[in-house]
Amino acid sequence: MRRSTRKEQDPDLGILAVQLSARVQREIFIRAAQHGFEDVRPRHGAVLAFLDAEGTRPGELARLAGRNKQTMGAILDELERLGYVRRAPDPADRRARLIMPTERGLQFMELSETLVSQIEQDLSDTLGPDLYGKFRDGLRRVAASLPATGRDTEG
């Protein structure tokens, strides 16, 4: 049996994780486009998923998203150009910068929270609440058992 056929028929953890991530992201961004956010892309989720309303330092965003600083800088440049974020001095340390969501960024962040909740509810309805709860718990435990740092997978 060809490797590709075997992997398609019995995907390993890495393939399943990538498929889950890609499909959830695709669903979020398809639904977001229906609400007027056609310009935001899945790669922007590395910022928008972790951004605090009161601002977040770029290094912290990179750490949370598992991206290197160069990749994060490129994503931030795109989001700034698109009007989702702006850079501002950090009041706690004038040498540091904060990434602040704009009004459009805040609107997207609010919508994405709603969309993720809807997707999770759909999955819970499909699997049943008990199985979905166990799935989330197992997924969280598996993710926590693997190193969170390392080489950027997108840079």
N, C-alpha and C. Protein backbone atom coordinates (compact mmCIF):
# COMPACT_ATOMS: atom_id res chain seq x y z
N MET A 1 0.85 -1.18 0.00
CA MET A 1 0.00 0.00 0.00
C MET A 1 0.89 1.24 0.00
N ARG A 2 0.52 2.19 -0.84
CA ARG A 2 1.29 3.43 -0.89
C ARG A 2 1.17 4.19 0.43
N ARG A 3 2.24 4.88 0.78
CA ARG A 3 2.26 5.64 2.04
C ARG A 3 1.13 6.66 2.08
N SER A 4 0.92 7.37 0.97
CA SER A 4 -0.13 8.39 0.94
C SER A 4 -1.51 7.77 1.17
N THR A 5 -1.74 6.61 0.61
CA THR A 5 -3.02 5.92 0.80
C THR A 5 -3.17 5.49 2.26
N ARG A 6 -2.10 4.95 2.82
CA ARG A 6 -2.12 4.51 4.22
C ARG A 6 -2.38 5.70 5.14
N LYS A 7 -1.71 6.82 4.89
CA LYS A 7 -1.88 8.02 5.72
C LYS A 7 -3.28 8.60 5.57
N GLU A 8 -3.86 8.47 4.38
CA GLU A 8 -5.22 8.97 4.18
C GLU A 8 -6.22 8.08 4.91
N GLN A 9 -6.01 6.78 4.85
CA GLN A 9 -6.94 5.85 5.46
C GLN A 9 -6.79 5.77 6.98
N ASP A 10 -5.57 5.92 7.48
CA ASP A 10 -5.32 5.84 8.91
C ASP A 10 -4.35 6.96 9.31
N PRO A 11 -4.84 8.20 9.35
CA PRO A 11 -3.95 9.32 9.62
C PRO A 11 -3.35 9.26 11.03
N ASP A 12 -2.09 9.66 11.12
CA ASP A 12 -1.43 9.70 12.42
C ASP A 12 -1.80 10.98 13.16
N LEU A 13 -1.30 11.13 14.38
CA LEU A 13 -1.63 12.27 15.23
C LEU A 13 -1.30 13.60 14.55
N GLY A 14 -0.14 13.69 13.92
CA GLY A 14 0.26 14.94 13.27
C GLY A 14 -0.71 15.33 12.16
N ILE A 15 -1.09 14.37 11.36
CA ILE A 15 -2.03 14.64 10.27
C ILE A 15 -3.39 15.03 10.83
N LEU A 16 -3.86 14.31 11.84
CA LEU A 16 -5.15 14.64 12.45
C LEU A 16 -5.13 16.05 13.06
N ALA A 17 -4.02 16.39 13.72
CA ALA A 17 -3.92 17.72 14.33
C ALA A 17 -3.94 18.82 13.27
N VAL A 18 -3.22 18.61 12.18
CA VAL A 18 -3.20 19.59 11.10
C VAL A 18 -4.58 19.69 10.45
N GLN A 19 -5.22 18.56 10.23
CA GLN A 19 -6.56 18.58 9.63
C GLN A 19 -7.55 19.31 10.52
N LEU A 20 -7.52 19.01 11.81
CA LEU A 20 -8.42 19.68 12.75
C LEU A 20 -8.18 21.19 12.75
N SER A 21 -6.93 21.58 12.88
CA SER A 21 -6.59 23.00 12.91
C SER A 21 -7.03 23.69 11.62
N ALA A 22 -6.69 23.10 10.49
CA ALA A 22 -7.03 23.71 9.20
C ALA A 22 -8.54 23.82 9.01
N ARG A 23 -9.26 22.80 9.40
CA ARG A 23 -10.72 22.81 9.19
C ARG A 23 -11.42 23.78 10.14
N VAL A 24 -10.97 23.87 11.38
CA VAL A 24 -11.55 24.84 12.30
C VAL A 24 -11.24 26.25 11.81
N GLN A 25 -9.99 26.50 11.44
CA GLN A 25 -9.62 27.83 10.92
C GLN A 25 -10.42 28.17 9.68
N ARG A 26 -10.53 27.23 8.76
CA ARG A 26 -11.28 27.48 7.53
C ARG A 26 -12.72 27.86 7.86
N GLU A 27 -13.32 27.16 8.78
CA GLU A 27 -14.71 27.44 9.16
C GLU A 27 -14.82 28.83 9.80
N ILE A 28 -13.90 29.17 10.67
CA ILE A 28 -13.92 30.50 11.29
C ILE A 28 -13.82 31.59 10.23
N PHE A 29 -12.89 31.44 9.30
CA PHE A 29 -12.65 32.52 8.34
C PHE A 29 -13.69 32.57 7.23
N ILE A 30 -14.31 31.44 6.91
CA ILE A 30 -15.45 31.47 5.97
C ILE A 30 -16.61 32.23 6.62
N ARG A 31 -16.89 31.90 7.88
CA ARG A 31 -17.99 32.57 8.58
C ARG A 31 -17.67 34.05 8.82
N ALA A 32 -16.42 34.36 9.13
CA ALA A 32 -16.04 35.76 9.34
C ALA A 32 -16.21 36.57 8.06
N ALA A 33 -15.87 35.98 6.93
CA ALA A 33 -16.03 36.68 5.64
C ALA A 33 -17.50 37.01 5.40
N GLN A 34 -18.39 36.16 5.84
CA GLN A 34 -19.82 36.41 5.69
C GLN A 34 -20.29 37.60 6.53
N HIS A 35 -19.46 38.00 7.50
CA HIS A 35 -19.77 39.15 8.36
C HIS A 35 -18.93 40.38 8.00
N GLY A 36 -18.31 40.36 6.81
CA GLY A 36 -17.58 41.54 6.35
C GLY A 36 -16.09 41.54 6.61
N PHE A 37 -15.54 40.42 7.06
CA PHE A 37 -14.11 40.33 7.34
C PHE A 37 -13.43 39.46 6.29
N GLU A 38 -13.56 39.84 5.02
CA GLU A 38 -13.00 39.05 3.92
C GLU A 38 -11.48 39.12 3.84
N ASP A 39 -10.89 40.14 4.45
CA ASP A 39 -9.46 40.37 4.30
C ASP A 39 -8.59 39.66 5.34
N VAL A 40 -9.17 39.14 6.39
CA VAL A 40 -8.38 38.48 7.42
C VAL A 40 -8.16 37.02 7.01
N ARG A 41 -6.97 36.51 7.30
CA ARG A 41 -6.55 35.17 6.89
C ARG A 41 -6.18 34.32 8.10
N PRO A 42 -6.18 33.01 7.94
CA PRO A 42 -5.83 32.13 9.07
C PRO A 42 -4.50 32.48 9.73
N ARG A 43 -3.51 32.88 8.96
CA ARG A 43 -2.22 33.22 9.59
C ARG A 43 -2.35 34.39 10.56
N HIS A 44 -3.35 35.25 10.36
CA HIS A 44 -3.58 36.38 11.25
C HIS A 44 -4.08 35.93 12.62
N GLY A 45 -4.60 34.70 12.67
CA GLY A 45 -5.05 34.15 13.95
C GLY A 45 -3.94 34.05 14.97
N ALA A 46 -2.69 33.98 14.52
CA ALA A 46 -1.56 33.93 15.45
C ALA A 46 -1.52 35.18 16.33
N VAL A 47 -2.06 36.28 15.85
CA VAL A 47 -2.16 37.51 16.63
C VAL A 47 -3.55 37.64 17.23
N LEU A 48 -4.56 37.57 16.39
CA LEU A 48 -5.92 37.89 16.82
C LEU A 48 -6.48 36.91 17.84
N ALA A 49 -5.99 35.70 17.87
CA ALA A 49 -6.47 34.72 18.85
C ALA A 49 -5.95 35.03 20.25
N PHE A 50 -4.83 35.72 20.36
CA PHE A 50 -4.19 35.95 21.65
C PHE A 50 -4.17 37.41 22.08
N LEU A 51 -4.53 38.32 21.21
CA LEU A 51 -4.44 39.75 21.48
C LEU A 51 -5.41 40.16 22.58
N ASP A 52 -4.92 40.90 23.56
CA ASP A 52 -5.76 41.46 24.62
C ASP A 52 -6.30 42.80 24.17
N ALA A 53 -7.50 43.13 24.61
CA ALA A 53 -8.13 44.41 24.25
C ALA A 53 -7.26 45.59 24.69
N GLU A 54 -6.55 45.44 25.81
CA GLU A 54 -5.70 46.53 26.31
C GLU A 54 -4.29 46.49 25.73
N GLY A 55 -4.05 45.56 24.79
CA GLY A 55 -2.76 45.48 24.11
C GLY A 55 -1.89 44.36 24.65
N THR A 56 -1.01 43.88 23.79
CA THR A 56 -0.09 42.80 24.13
C THR A 56 1.25 43.08 23.46
N ARG A 57 2.31 42.78 24.15
CA ARG A 57 3.64 42.97 23.55
C ARG A 57 3.87 41.95 22.44
N PRO A 58 4.60 42.36 21.39
CA PRO A 58 4.86 41.44 20.27
C PRO A 58 5.55 40.15 20.68
N GLY A 59 6.50 40.23 21.58
CA GLY A 59 7.21 39.03 22.04
C GLY A 59 6.28 38.05 22.73
N GLU A 60 5.33 38.57 23.48
CA GLU A 60 4.35 37.71 24.15
C GLU A 60 3.43 37.05 23.13
N LEU A 61 3.03 37.79 22.10
CA LEU A 61 2.21 37.20 21.03
C LEU A 61 2.97 36.09 20.32
N ALA A 62 4.25 36.33 20.06
CA ALA A 62 5.07 35.31 19.39
C ALA A 62 5.16 34.05 20.25
N ARG A 63 5.38 34.24 21.54
CA ARG A 63 5.47 33.10 22.46
C ARG A 63 4.15 32.32 22.49
N LEU A 64 3.05 33.03 22.66
CA LEU A 64 1.75 32.37 22.77
C LEU A 64 1.37 31.63 21.49
N ALA A 65 1.72 32.21 20.35
CA ALA A 65 1.35 31.62 19.05
C ALA A 65 2.36 30.58 18.57
N GLY A 66 3.51 30.49 19.25
CA GLY A 66 4.54 29.55 18.82
C GLY A 66 5.21 29.99 17.53
N ARG A 67 5.34 31.27 17.33
CA ARG A 67 5.97 31.83 16.13
C ARG A 67 7.26 32.55 16.53
N ASN A 68 8.18 32.65 15.59
CA ASN A 68 9.38 33.44 15.90
C ASN A 68 9.06 34.92 15.72
N LYS A 69 9.95 35.76 16.21
CA LYS A 69 9.68 37.21 16.19
C LYS A 69 9.60 37.77 14.77
N GLN A 70 10.38 37.21 13.86
CA GLN A 70 10.34 37.69 12.48
C GLN A 70 9.00 37.38 11.83
N THR A 71 8.51 36.17 12.01
CA THR A 71 7.21 35.80 11.47
C THR A 71 6.12 36.65 12.09
N MET A 72 6.19 36.83 13.41
CA MET A 72 5.19 37.65 14.10
C MET A 72 5.24 39.09 13.58
N GLY A 73 6.42 39.61 13.35
CA GLY A 73 6.54 40.97 12.82
C GLY A 73 5.86 41.12 11.47
N ALA A 74 6.03 40.12 10.61
CA ALA A 74 5.40 40.17 9.29
C ALA A 74 3.88 40.12 9.41
N ILE A 75 3.38 39.28 10.30
CA ILE A 75 1.92 39.19 10.51
C ILE A 75 1.39 40.50 11.06
N LEU A 76 2.12 41.08 12.01
CA LEU A 76 1.70 42.37 12.58
C LEU A 76 1.69 43.47 11.53
N ASP A 77 2.70 43.48 10.66
CA ASP A 77 2.72 44.47 9.57
C ASP A 77 1.48 44.34 8.69
N GLU A 78 1.11 43.11 8.35
CA GLU A 78 -0.09 42.88 7.53
C GLU A 78 -1.34 43.38 8.24
N LEU A 79 -1.48 43.01 9.51
CA LEU A 79 -2.68 43.39 10.26
C LEU A 79 -2.76 44.90 10.46
N GLU A 80 -1.61 45.54 10.60
CA GLU A 80 -1.60 47.00 10.73
C GLU A 80 -2.03 47.64 9.41
N ARG A 81 -1.53 47.12 8.31
CA ARG A 81 -1.91 47.61 6.99
C ARG A 81 -3.41 47.43 6.73
N LEU A 82 -3.95 46.32 7.22
CA LEU A 82 -5.38 46.03 7.03
C LEU A 82 -6.29 46.76 8.02
N GLY A 83 -5.69 47.39 9.02
CA GLY A 83 -6.47 48.18 9.97
C GLY A 83 -7.01 47.42 11.18
N TYR A 84 -6.40 46.28 11.52
CA TYR A 84 -6.84 45.49 12.67
C TYR A 84 -6.06 45.81 13.94
N VAL A 85 -4.83 46.26 13.80
CA VAL A 85 -4.00 46.58 14.97
C VAL A 85 -3.22 47.86 14.71
N ARG A 86 -2.72 48.40 15.81
CA ARG A 86 -1.78 49.52 15.73
C ARG A 86 -0.72 49.32 16.80
N ARG A 87 0.43 49.89 16.57
CA ARG A 87 1.52 49.81 17.55
C ARG A 87 1.48 51.08 18.39
N ALA A 88 1.70 50.90 19.70
CA ALA A 88 1.67 52.03 20.62
C ALA A 88 2.74 51.83 21.69
N PRO A 89 3.21 52.92 22.29
CA PRO A 89 4.16 52.77 23.40
C PRO A 89 3.48 52.06 24.58
N ASP A 90 4.25 51.23 25.27
CA ASP A 90 3.76 50.54 26.46
C ASP A 90 3.86 51.51 27.63
N PRO A 91 2.76 51.89 28.27
CA PRO A 91 2.84 52.84 29.38
C PRO A 91 3.68 52.33 30.55
N ALA A 92 3.82 51.02 30.69
CA ALA A 92 4.63 50.44 31.78
C ALA A 92 6.12 50.53 31.48
N ASP A 93 6.49 50.65 30.19
CA ASP A 93 7.88 50.70 29.78
C ASP A 93 7.94 51.40 28.43
N ARG A 94 8.31 52.66 28.43
CA ARG A 94 8.28 53.48 27.20
C ARG A 94 9.20 52.94 26.10
N ARG A 95 10.15 52.09 26.46
CA ARG A 95 11.02 51.50 25.43
C ARG A 95 10.31 50.38 24.69
N ALA A 96 9.29 49.81 25.32
CA ALA A 96 8.57 48.67 24.73
C ALA A 96 7.36 49.16 23.94
N ARG A 97 6.89 48.28 23.05
CA ARG A 97 5.69 48.58 22.25
C ARG A 97 4.59 47.60 22.62
N LEU A 98 3.37 48.07 22.46
CA LEU A 98 2.20 47.22 22.62
C LEU A 98 1.50 47.13 21.28
N ILE A 99 0.94 45.98 21.01
CA ILE A 99 0.07 45.81 19.85
C ILE A 99 -1.35 46.01 20.36
N MET A 100 -2.00 47.02 19.83
CA MET A 100 -3.35 47.38 20.27
C MET A 100 -4.35 47.06 19.17
N PRO A 101 -5.47 46.43 19.52
CA PRO A 101 -6.49 46.23 18.49
C PRO A 101 -7.18 47.56 18.16
N THR A 102 -7.46 47.76 16.90
CA THR A 102 -8.27 48.91 16.49
C THR A 102 -9.74 48.54 16.72
N GLU A 103 -10.63 49.45 16.39
CA GLU A 103 -12.06 49.14 16.50
C GLU A 103 -12.41 47.93 15.62
N ARG A 104 -11.84 47.89 14.41
CA ARG A 104 -12.09 46.75 13.52
C ARG A 104 -11.51 45.47 14.12
N GLY A 105 -10.34 45.57 14.71
CA GLY A 105 -9.74 44.42 15.37
C GLY A 105 -10.60 43.91 16.52
N LEU A 106 -11.12 44.82 17.32
CA LEU A 106 -11.99 44.43 18.43
C LEU A 106 -13.27 43.76 17.92
N GLN A 107 -13.82 44.29 16.83
CA GLN A 107 -15.02 43.68 16.25
C GLN A 107 -14.73 42.26 15.79
N PHE A 108 -13.58 42.07 15.13
CA PHE A 108 -13.23 40.72 14.69
C PHE A 108 -13.01 39.80 15.88
N MET A 109 -12.32 40.28 16.90
CA MET A 109 -12.06 39.46 18.08
C MET A 109 -13.37 39.01 18.73
N GLU A 110 -14.33 39.90 18.84
CA GLU A 110 -15.62 39.56 19.42
C GLU A 110 -16.35 38.54 18.54
N LEU A 111 -16.36 38.78 17.24
CA LEU A 111 -17.01 37.85 16.32
C LEU A 111 -16.34 36.48 16.38
N SER A 112 -15.02 36.44 16.40
CA SER A 112 -14.33 35.14 16.39
C SER A 112 -14.64 34.35 17.65
N GLU A 113 -14.79 35.02 18.79
CA GLU A 113 -15.18 34.32 20.02
C GLU A 113 -16.54 33.65 19.83
N THR A 114 -17.47 34.38 19.22
CA THR A 114 -18.80 33.84 18.96
C THR A 114 -18.73 32.67 17.99
N LEU A 115 -17.94 32.82 16.92
CA LEU A 115 -17.83 31.76 15.92
C LEU A 115 -17.21 30.50 16.50
N VAL A 116 -16.18 30.65 17.30
CA VAL A 116 -15.55 29.48 17.92
C VAL A 116 -16.55 28.78 18.85
N SER A 117 -17.31 29.56 19.60
CA SER A 117 -18.33 28.96 20.48
C SER A 117 -19.37 28.19 19.66
N GLN A 118 -19.77 28.75 18.52
CA GLN A 118 -20.73 28.06 17.67
C GLN A 118 -20.16 26.75 17.12
N ILE A 119 -18.90 26.79 16.68
CA ILE A 119 -18.25 25.59 16.15
C ILE A 119 -18.14 24.54 17.25
N GLU A 120 -17.75 24.98 18.45
CA GLU A 120 -17.65 24.02 19.56
C GLU A 120 -19.01 23.43 19.90
N GLN A 121 -20.05 24.24 19.84
CA GLN A 121 -21.39 23.72 20.11
C GLN A 121 -21.79 22.71 19.05
N ASP A 122 -21.47 23.01 17.78
CA ASP A 122 -21.76 22.06 16.69
C ASP A 122 -21.05 20.73 16.93
N LEU A 123 -19.79 20.80 17.34
CA LEU A 123 -19.04 19.57 17.61
C LEU A 123 -19.59 18.83 18.81
N SER A 124 -19.99 19.55 19.83
CA SER A 124 -20.59 18.94 21.00
C SER A 124 -21.90 18.26 20.63
N ASP A 125 -22.67 18.90 19.77
CA ASP A 125 -23.92 18.29 19.31
C ASP A 125 -23.65 17.02 18.51
N THR A 126 -22.57 17.03 17.72
CA THR A 126 -22.21 15.87 16.90
C THR A 126 -21.73 14.70 17.76
N LEU A 127 -20.85 14.98 18.71
CA LEU A 127 -20.25 13.92 19.52
C LEU A 127 -21.03 13.62 20.79
N GLY A 128 -21.84 14.54 21.22
CA GLY A 128 -22.47 14.46 22.53
C GLY A 128 -21.60 15.21 23.52
N PRO A 129 -22.21 15.88 24.50
CA PRO A 129 -21.44 16.72 25.42
C PRO A 129 -20.38 15.97 26.22
N ASP A 130 -20.67 14.75 26.65
CA ASP A 130 -19.69 14.00 27.45
C ASP A 130 -18.45 13.66 26.64
N LEU A 131 -18.67 13.10 25.45
CA LEU A 131 -17.53 12.73 24.60
C LEU A 131 -16.76 13.98 24.17
N TYR A 132 -17.47 15.05 23.84
CA TYR A 132 -16.76 16.27 23.43
C TYR A 132 -15.93 16.82 24.59
N GLY A 133 -16.47 16.79 25.80
CA GLY A 133 -15.72 17.25 26.97
C GLY A 133 -14.46 16.41 27.18
N LYS A 134 -14.59 15.08 27.01
CA LYS A 134 -13.42 14.20 27.15
C LYS A 134 -12.42 14.45 26.03
N PHE A 135 -12.92 14.70 24.82
CA PHE A 135 -12.04 15.01 23.69
C PHE A 135 -11.23 16.27 23.99
N ARG A 136 -11.90 17.33 24.44
CA ARG A 136 -11.19 18.59 24.75
C ARG A 136 -10.17 18.39 25.86
N ASP A 137 -10.57 17.66 26.89
CA ASP A 137 -9.66 17.41 28.00
C ASP A 137 -8.44 16.62 27.53
N GLY A 138 -8.67 15.56 26.74
CA GLY A 138 -7.56 14.78 26.21
C GLY A 138 -6.66 15.59 25.30
N LEU A 139 -7.26 16.40 24.45
CA LEU A 139 -6.48 17.26 23.55
C LEU A 139 -5.62 18.24 24.35
N ARG A 140 -6.18 18.83 25.38
CA ARG A 140 -5.44 19.77 26.24
C ARG A 140 -4.27 19.06 26.91
N ARG A 141 -4.51 17.85 27.41
CA ARG A 141 -3.46 17.10 28.09
C ARG A 141 -2.35 16.69 27.12
N VAL A 142 -2.74 16.26 25.92
CA VAL A 142 -1.74 15.89 24.91
C VAL A 142 -0.90 17.10 24.54
N ALA A 143 -1.56 18.23 24.28
CA ALA A 143 -0.83 19.45 23.91
C ALA A 143 0.13 19.88 25.03
N ALA A 144 -0.31 19.77 26.27
CA ALA A 144 0.52 20.17 27.41
C ALA A 144 1.70 19.22 27.61
N SER A 145 1.59 17.99 27.11
CA SER A 145 2.67 17.01 27.32
C SER A 145 3.81 17.18 26.32
N LEU A 146 3.61 17.97 25.28
CA LEU A 146 4.64 18.19 24.27
C LEU A 146 5.28 19.56 24.45
N PRO A 147 6.54 19.72 24.04
CA PRO A 147 7.21 21.01 24.22
C PRO A 147 6.46 22.14 23.50
N ALA A 148 6.33 23.27 24.16
CA ALA A 148 5.64 24.42 23.57
C ALA A 148 6.58 25.32 22.79
N THR A 149 7.87 25.13 22.95
CA THR A 149 8.82 25.98 22.26
C THR A 149 9.60 25.15 21.27
N GLY A 150 10.21 25.84 20.36
CA GLY A 150 11.01 25.17 19.34
C GLY A 150 10.98 25.99 18.08
N ARG A 151 11.35 25.38 17.02
CA ARG A 151 11.43 26.06 15.73
C ARG A 151 10.04 26.42 15.22
N ASP A 152 9.91 27.62 14.70
CA ASP A 152 8.67 28.13 14.13
C ASP A 152 8.27 27.26 12.95
N THR A 153 7.04 26.81 12.93
CA THR A 153 6.59 25.94 11.85
C THR A 153 6.12 26.72 10.62
N GLU A 154 6.05 28.05 10.73
CA GLU A 154 5.54 28.82 9.60
C GLU A 154 6.54 29.83 9.06
N GLY A 155 7.69 29.94 9.68
CA GLY A 155 8.61 31.01 9.31
C GLY A 155 9.66 30.65 8.39
